[in-house]
Amino acid sequence: MSACVFCTRAMSWRVGMRRRVSTDIDNGGSAFPTSFNKDYPNEIVGGMTLRDYFAAKVVVGDEIGVRYAEQLLGRAMPDYAAHPLANAIFWADARARLRYIEADAMLAAREAA
């Protein structure tokens, strides 16, 4: 894989039943590379990274259980009746974390190929 100006390192969180391990991963660089804009020569816009693009494309259904989501986030699910907004934020965080786990797996498979 060639080096690119917009490539940066990102943290990947692989979550296991008993441990959480972080590894450095390459975010894939820019998903939609931009060309030089003569009207704005001093502006560099890298756009969305390939990791972000993969995460946006992952379809997360209702298969996430409460216990799995709590392990994934490291916190308890708020009671919906008492804190509906906190509950909605909890589930949004769980879906986002799962999307990035899938995106990290896609990038790892891409590097292995």
N, C-alpha and C. Protein backbone atom coordinates (compact mmCIF):
# COMPACT_ATOMS: atom_id res chain seq x y z
N MET A 1 0.84 -1.17 0.00
CA MET A 1 0.00 0.00 0.00
C MET A 1 0.89 1.24 0.00
N SER A 2 0.63 2.16 -0.91
CA SER A 2 1.47 3.35 -1.00
C SER A 2 1.10 4.36 0.07
N ALA A 3 2.11 5.14 0.46
CA ALA A 3 1.87 6.19 1.46
C ALA A 3 1.15 7.35 0.81
N CYS A 4 0.35 8.04 1.58
CA CYS A 4 -0.39 9.17 1.06
C CYS A 4 -0.34 10.31 2.05
N VAL A 5 -0.52 11.52 1.53
CA VAL A 5 -0.44 12.72 2.36
C VAL A 5 -1.49 12.71 3.45
N PHE A 6 -2.66 12.19 3.16
CA PHE A 6 -3.79 12.26 4.08
C PHE A 6 -3.89 11.05 5.01
N CYS A 7 -3.00 10.05 4.85
CA CYS A 7 -3.06 8.86 5.70
C CYS A 7 -2.64 9.21 7.12
N THR A 8 -3.40 8.75 8.06
CA THR A 8 -3.06 8.91 9.47
C THR A 8 -3.29 7.59 10.17
N ARG A 9 -2.83 7.51 11.38
CA ARG A 9 -3.04 6.30 12.16
C ARG A 9 -4.28 6.48 13.03
N ALA A 10 -5.02 5.43 13.21
CA ALA A 10 -6.22 5.47 14.04
C ALA A 10 -6.16 4.32 15.04
N MET A 11 -6.90 4.46 16.10
CA MET A 11 -6.94 3.39 17.10
C MET A 11 -8.09 2.44 16.79
N SER A 12 -7.83 1.17 16.81
CA SER A 12 -8.84 0.16 16.60
C SER A 12 -9.10 -0.54 17.92
N TRP A 13 -10.33 -0.65 18.30
CA TRP A 13 -10.68 -1.32 19.55
C TRP A 13 -11.30 -2.66 19.23
N ARG A 14 -10.58 -3.72 19.51
CA ARG A 14 -11.10 -5.07 19.37
C ARG A 14 -11.59 -5.48 20.75
N VAL A 15 -12.86 -5.76 20.84
CA VAL A 15 -13.45 -6.04 22.14
C VAL A 15 -13.68 -7.54 22.27
N GLY A 16 -13.12 -8.11 23.31
CA GLY A 16 -13.33 -9.52 23.61
C GLY A 16 -14.21 -9.66 24.83
N MET A 17 -14.51 -10.88 25.21
CA MET A 17 -15.38 -11.12 26.36
C MET A 17 -14.71 -10.64 27.65
N ARG A 18 -13.38 -10.78 27.75
CA ARG A 18 -12.72 -10.46 29.01
C ARG A 18 -11.67 -9.37 28.90
N ARG A 19 -11.35 -8.93 27.69
CA ARG A 19 -10.28 -7.95 27.58
C ARG A 19 -10.55 -6.99 26.44
N ARG A 20 -9.91 -5.87 26.51
CA ARG A 20 -10.01 -4.87 25.44
C ARG A 20 -8.58 -4.57 25.00
N VAL A 21 -8.31 -4.77 23.73
CA VAL A 21 -6.97 -4.60 23.20
C VAL A 21 -7.01 -3.50 22.15
N SER A 22 -6.07 -2.56 22.21
CA SER A 22 -6.01 -1.53 21.18
C SER A 22 -4.82 -1.79 20.28
N THR A 23 -5.01 -1.60 18.99
CA THR A 23 -3.92 -1.74 18.03
C THR A 23 -3.98 -0.56 17.08
N ASP A 24 -2.84 -0.18 16.56
CA ASP A 24 -2.81 0.88 15.56
C ASP A 24 -3.22 0.29 14.22
N ILE A 25 -4.07 1.00 13.51
CA ILE A 25 -4.45 0.59 12.16
C ILE A 25 -4.32 1.79 11.24
N ASP A 26 -4.13 1.52 9.97
CA ASP A 26 -4.09 2.57 8.97
C ASP A 26 -5.53 2.84 8.56
N ASN A 27 -5.95 4.10 8.55
CA ASN A 27 -7.34 4.42 8.24
C ASN A 27 -7.64 4.35 6.75
N GLY A 28 -6.67 4.00 5.93
CA GLY A 28 -6.91 3.83 4.50
C GLY A 28 -6.72 5.08 3.68
N GLY A 29 -6.46 6.20 4.33
CA GLY A 29 -6.31 7.45 3.58
C GLY A 29 -7.64 8.02 3.17
N SER A 30 -7.62 8.90 2.21
CA SER A 30 -8.83 9.58 1.77
C SER A 30 -9.69 8.67 0.91
N ALA A 31 -10.98 8.58 1.21
CA ALA A 31 -11.89 7.75 0.42
C ALA A 31 -12.17 8.38 -0.93
N PHE A 32 -12.24 9.68 -0.96
CA PHE A 32 -12.51 10.42 -2.19
C PHE A 32 -11.44 11.50 -2.32
N PRO A 33 -10.26 11.13 -2.83
CA PRO A 33 -9.17 12.11 -2.90
C PRO A 33 -9.58 13.34 -3.70
N THR A 34 -9.13 14.48 -3.23
CA THR A 34 -9.46 15.73 -3.91
C THR A 34 -8.25 16.20 -4.70
N SER A 35 -8.53 16.84 -5.81
CA SER A 35 -7.44 17.38 -6.61
C SER A 35 -7.14 18.80 -6.14
N PHE A 36 -6.04 19.34 -6.61
CA PHE A 36 -5.64 20.70 -6.25
C PHE A 36 -6.67 21.69 -6.79
N ASN A 37 -7.08 22.63 -5.96
CA ASN A 37 -8.04 23.65 -6.36
C ASN A 37 -7.30 24.96 -6.55
N LYS A 38 -7.23 25.43 -7.80
CA LYS A 38 -6.46 26.65 -8.09
C LYS A 38 -7.07 27.89 -7.45
N ASP A 39 -8.37 27.87 -7.16
CA ASP A 39 -9.02 29.02 -6.53
C ASP A 39 -8.65 29.15 -5.05
N TYR A 40 -8.32 28.03 -4.43
CA TYR A 40 -7.94 28.01 -3.01
C TYR A 40 -6.63 27.24 -2.84
N PRO A 41 -5.50 27.83 -3.25
CA PRO A 41 -4.23 27.09 -3.24
C PRO A 41 -3.71 26.74 -1.85
N ASN A 42 -4.12 27.47 -0.83
CA ASN A 42 -3.61 27.20 0.52
C ASN A 42 -4.49 26.26 1.32
N GLU A 43 -5.56 25.79 0.74
CA GLU A 43 -6.51 24.93 1.46
C GLU A 43 -6.29 23.48 1.08
N ILE A 44 -6.08 22.64 2.08
CA ILE A 44 -5.95 21.20 1.85
C ILE A 44 -7.15 20.53 2.49
N VAL A 45 -7.91 19.82 1.68
CA VAL A 45 -9.10 19.13 2.17
C VAL A 45 -8.93 17.65 1.88
N GLY A 46 -8.77 16.87 2.93
CA GLY A 46 -8.57 15.45 2.75
C GLY A 46 -9.86 14.68 2.56
N GLY A 47 -10.95 15.23 3.04
CA GLY A 47 -12.23 14.55 2.92
C GLY A 47 -12.37 13.41 3.91
N MET A 48 -13.28 12.55 3.62
CA MET A 48 -13.60 11.40 4.47
C MET A 48 -12.53 10.33 4.30
N THR A 49 -12.14 9.71 5.41
CA THR A 49 -11.18 8.61 5.31
C THR A 49 -11.90 7.35 4.86
N LEU A 50 -11.12 6.41 4.35
CA LEU A 50 -11.70 5.14 3.93
C LEU A 50 -12.33 4.41 5.11
N ARG A 51 -11.72 4.55 6.29
CA ARG A 51 -12.29 3.94 7.50
C ARG A 51 -13.67 4.52 7.81
N ASP A 52 -13.80 5.84 7.71
CA ASP A 52 -15.10 6.47 7.93
C ASP A 52 -16.12 6.04 6.88
N TYR A 53 -15.68 5.91 5.64
CA TYR A 53 -16.57 5.48 4.56
C TYR A 53 -17.08 4.06 4.81
N PHE A 54 -16.16 3.16 5.17
CA PHE A 54 -16.57 1.79 5.48
C PHE A 54 -17.54 1.77 6.65
N ALA A 55 -17.26 2.55 7.69
CA ALA A 55 -18.14 2.58 8.86
C ALA A 55 -19.52 3.10 8.50
N ALA A 56 -19.59 4.07 7.60
CA ALA A 56 -20.88 4.61 7.19
C ALA A 56 -21.69 3.60 6.40
N LYS A 57 -21.03 2.69 5.71
CA LYS A 57 -21.72 1.71 4.88
C LYS A 57 -22.17 0.46 5.63
N VAL A 58 -21.68 0.26 6.84
CA VAL A 58 -22.05 -0.94 7.61
C VAL A 58 -23.51 -0.84 8.04
N VAL A 59 -24.24 -1.91 7.82
CA VAL A 59 -25.64 -1.97 8.24
C VAL A 59 -25.69 -2.66 9.60
N VAL A 60 -26.17 -1.93 10.60
CA VAL A 60 -26.30 -2.49 11.95
C VAL A 60 -27.78 -2.63 12.24
N GLY A 61 -28.21 -3.85 12.44
CA GLY A 61 -29.62 -4.09 12.72
C GLY A 61 -29.90 -4.14 14.21
N ASP A 62 -30.94 -4.82 14.56
CA ASP A 62 -31.35 -4.93 15.96
C ASP A 62 -30.72 -6.13 16.66
N GLU A 63 -29.67 -6.70 16.09
CA GLU A 63 -29.08 -7.90 16.66
C GLU A 63 -28.20 -7.63 17.88
N ILE A 64 -27.99 -6.38 18.22
CA ILE A 64 -27.15 -6.06 19.37
C ILE A 64 -27.96 -6.26 20.65
N GLY A 65 -27.48 -7.14 21.51
CA GLY A 65 -28.14 -7.35 22.79
C GLY A 65 -27.64 -6.37 23.83
N VAL A 66 -28.39 -6.24 24.91
CA VAL A 66 -28.03 -5.30 25.98
C VAL A 66 -26.68 -5.67 26.59
N ARG A 67 -26.47 -6.94 26.90
CA ARG A 67 -25.21 -7.35 27.53
C ARG A 67 -24.03 -7.10 26.61
N TYR A 68 -24.20 -7.37 25.32
CA TYR A 68 -23.13 -7.13 24.35
C TYR A 68 -22.83 -5.63 24.24
N ALA A 69 -23.87 -4.81 24.17
CA ALA A 69 -23.69 -3.36 24.07
C ALA A 69 -23.01 -2.80 25.31
N GLU A 70 -23.37 -3.31 26.47
CA GLU A 70 -22.74 -2.86 27.71
C GLU A 70 -21.26 -3.23 27.74
N GLN A 71 -20.92 -4.43 27.27
CA GLN A 71 -19.51 -4.84 27.19
C GLN A 71 -18.76 -3.98 26.17
N LEU A 72 -19.41 -3.70 25.07
CA LEU A 72 -18.81 -2.91 23.99
C LEU A 72 -18.47 -1.50 24.45
N LEU A 73 -19.37 -0.89 25.22
CA LEU A 73 -19.19 0.49 25.66
C LEU A 73 -18.53 0.61 27.03
N GLY A 74 -18.59 -0.44 27.82
CA GLY A 74 -17.99 -0.38 29.15
C GLY A 74 -18.82 0.39 30.16
N ARG A 75 -20.12 0.49 29.90
CA ARG A 75 -21.02 1.16 30.85
C ARG A 75 -22.39 0.52 30.77
N ALA A 76 -23.19 0.72 31.82
CA ALA A 76 -24.52 0.13 31.88
C ALA A 76 -25.51 0.92 31.03
N MET A 77 -26.51 0.22 30.52
CA MET A 77 -27.55 0.87 29.74
C MET A 77 -28.47 1.67 30.67
N PRO A 78 -28.70 2.95 30.38
CA PRO A 78 -29.62 3.74 31.21
C PRO A 78 -31.06 3.25 31.05
N ASP A 79 -31.84 3.38 32.10
CA ASP A 79 -33.24 2.99 32.07
C ASP A 79 -34.01 3.91 31.13
N TYR A 80 -34.76 3.32 30.21
CA TYR A 80 -35.48 4.12 29.22
C TYR A 80 -36.56 4.99 29.86
N ALA A 81 -37.28 4.44 30.83
CA ALA A 81 -38.37 5.20 31.46
C ALA A 81 -37.84 6.41 32.23
N ALA A 82 -36.71 6.25 32.89
CA ALA A 82 -36.15 7.33 33.70
C ALA A 82 -35.32 8.32 32.88
N HIS A 83 -34.60 7.81 31.88
CA HIS A 83 -33.69 8.65 31.09
C HIS A 83 -33.77 8.28 29.61
N PRO A 84 -34.85 8.67 28.91
CA PRO A 84 -35.00 8.26 27.52
C PRO A 84 -33.90 8.80 26.59
N LEU A 85 -33.45 10.02 26.81
CA LEU A 85 -32.40 10.58 25.96
C LEU A 85 -31.07 9.87 26.19
N ALA A 86 -30.74 9.61 27.44
CA ALA A 86 -29.50 8.88 27.75
C ALA A 86 -29.54 7.47 27.17
N ASN A 87 -30.72 6.85 27.15
CA ASN A 87 -30.87 5.53 26.57
C ASN A 87 -30.64 5.58 25.06
N ALA A 88 -31.19 6.59 24.40
CA ALA A 88 -31.00 6.74 22.95
C ALA A 88 -29.53 6.98 22.62
N ILE A 89 -28.85 7.78 23.43
CA ILE A 89 -27.43 8.05 23.21
C ILE A 89 -26.61 6.78 23.42
N PHE A 90 -26.98 5.98 24.41
CA PHE A 90 -26.30 4.71 24.67
C PHE A 90 -26.35 3.82 23.43
N TRP A 91 -27.54 3.67 22.83
CA TRP A 91 -27.69 2.81 21.66
C TRP A 91 -27.01 3.39 20.43
N ALA A 92 -27.01 4.71 20.28
CA ALA A 92 -26.30 5.33 19.17
C ALA A 92 -24.79 5.09 19.30
N ASP A 93 -24.27 5.20 20.52
CA ASP A 93 -22.85 4.93 20.77
C ASP A 93 -22.51 3.47 20.46
N ALA A 94 -23.38 2.55 20.85
CA ALA A 94 -23.14 1.12 20.61
C ALA A 94 -23.12 0.83 19.11
N ARG A 95 -24.08 1.38 18.37
CA ARG A 95 -24.11 1.16 16.92
C ARG A 95 -22.88 1.77 16.25
N ALA A 96 -22.47 2.95 16.68
CA ALA A 96 -21.29 3.60 16.10
C ALA A 96 -20.03 2.78 16.37
N ARG A 97 -19.87 2.30 17.60
CA ARG A 97 -18.70 1.50 17.95
C ARG A 97 -18.67 0.22 17.11
N LEU A 98 -19.83 -0.42 16.94
CA LEU A 98 -19.90 -1.64 16.15
C LEU A 98 -19.55 -1.36 14.69
N ARG A 99 -19.99 -0.24 14.16
CA ARG A 99 -19.66 0.12 12.78
C ARG A 99 -18.15 0.26 12.59
N TYR A 100 -17.48 0.89 13.55
CA TYR A 100 -16.04 1.06 13.41
C TYR A 100 -15.28 -0.24 13.62
N ILE A 101 -15.81 -1.16 14.41
CA ILE A 101 -15.19 -2.48 14.53
C ILE A 101 -15.26 -3.19 13.19
N GLU A 102 -16.42 -3.11 12.52
CA GLU A 102 -16.57 -3.70 11.19
C GLU A 102 -15.64 -3.03 10.18
N ALA A 103 -15.54 -1.70 10.23
CA ALA A 103 -14.67 -0.96 9.31
C ALA A 103 -13.21 -1.37 9.51
N ASP A 104 -12.80 -1.54 10.76
CA ASP A 104 -11.43 -1.97 11.04
C ASP A 104 -11.17 -3.35 10.46
N ALA A 105 -12.16 -4.23 10.54
CA ALA A 105 -12.02 -5.57 9.97
C ALA A 105 -11.91 -5.49 8.45
N MET A 106 -12.66 -4.60 7.82
CA MET A 106 -12.57 -4.43 6.37
C MET A 106 -11.20 -3.92 5.96
N LEU A 107 -10.66 -2.97 6.70
CA LEU A 107 -9.32 -2.44 6.39
C LEU A 107 -8.25 -3.51 6.60
N ALA A 108 -8.41 -4.32 7.64
CA ALA A 108 -7.44 -5.40 7.88
C ALA A 108 -7.49 -6.43 6.75
N ALA A 109 -8.69 -6.76 6.28
CA ALA A 109 -8.83 -7.69 5.17
C ALA A 109 -8.24 -7.10 3.88
N ARG A 110 -8.41 -5.82 3.72
CA ARG A 110 -7.87 -5.13 2.54
C ARG A 110 -6.35 -5.16 2.54
N GLU A 111 -5.73 -4.95 3.71
CA GLU A 111 -4.28 -4.99 3.82
C GLU A 111 -3.73 -6.40 3.62
N ALA A 112 -4.49 -7.40 4.06
CA ALA A 112 -4.05 -8.79 3.96
C ALA A 112 -4.10 -9.29 2.52
N ALA A 113 -4.96 -8.69 1.71
CA ALA A 113 -5.13 -9.16 0.32
C ALA A 113 -3.99 -8.73 -0.56
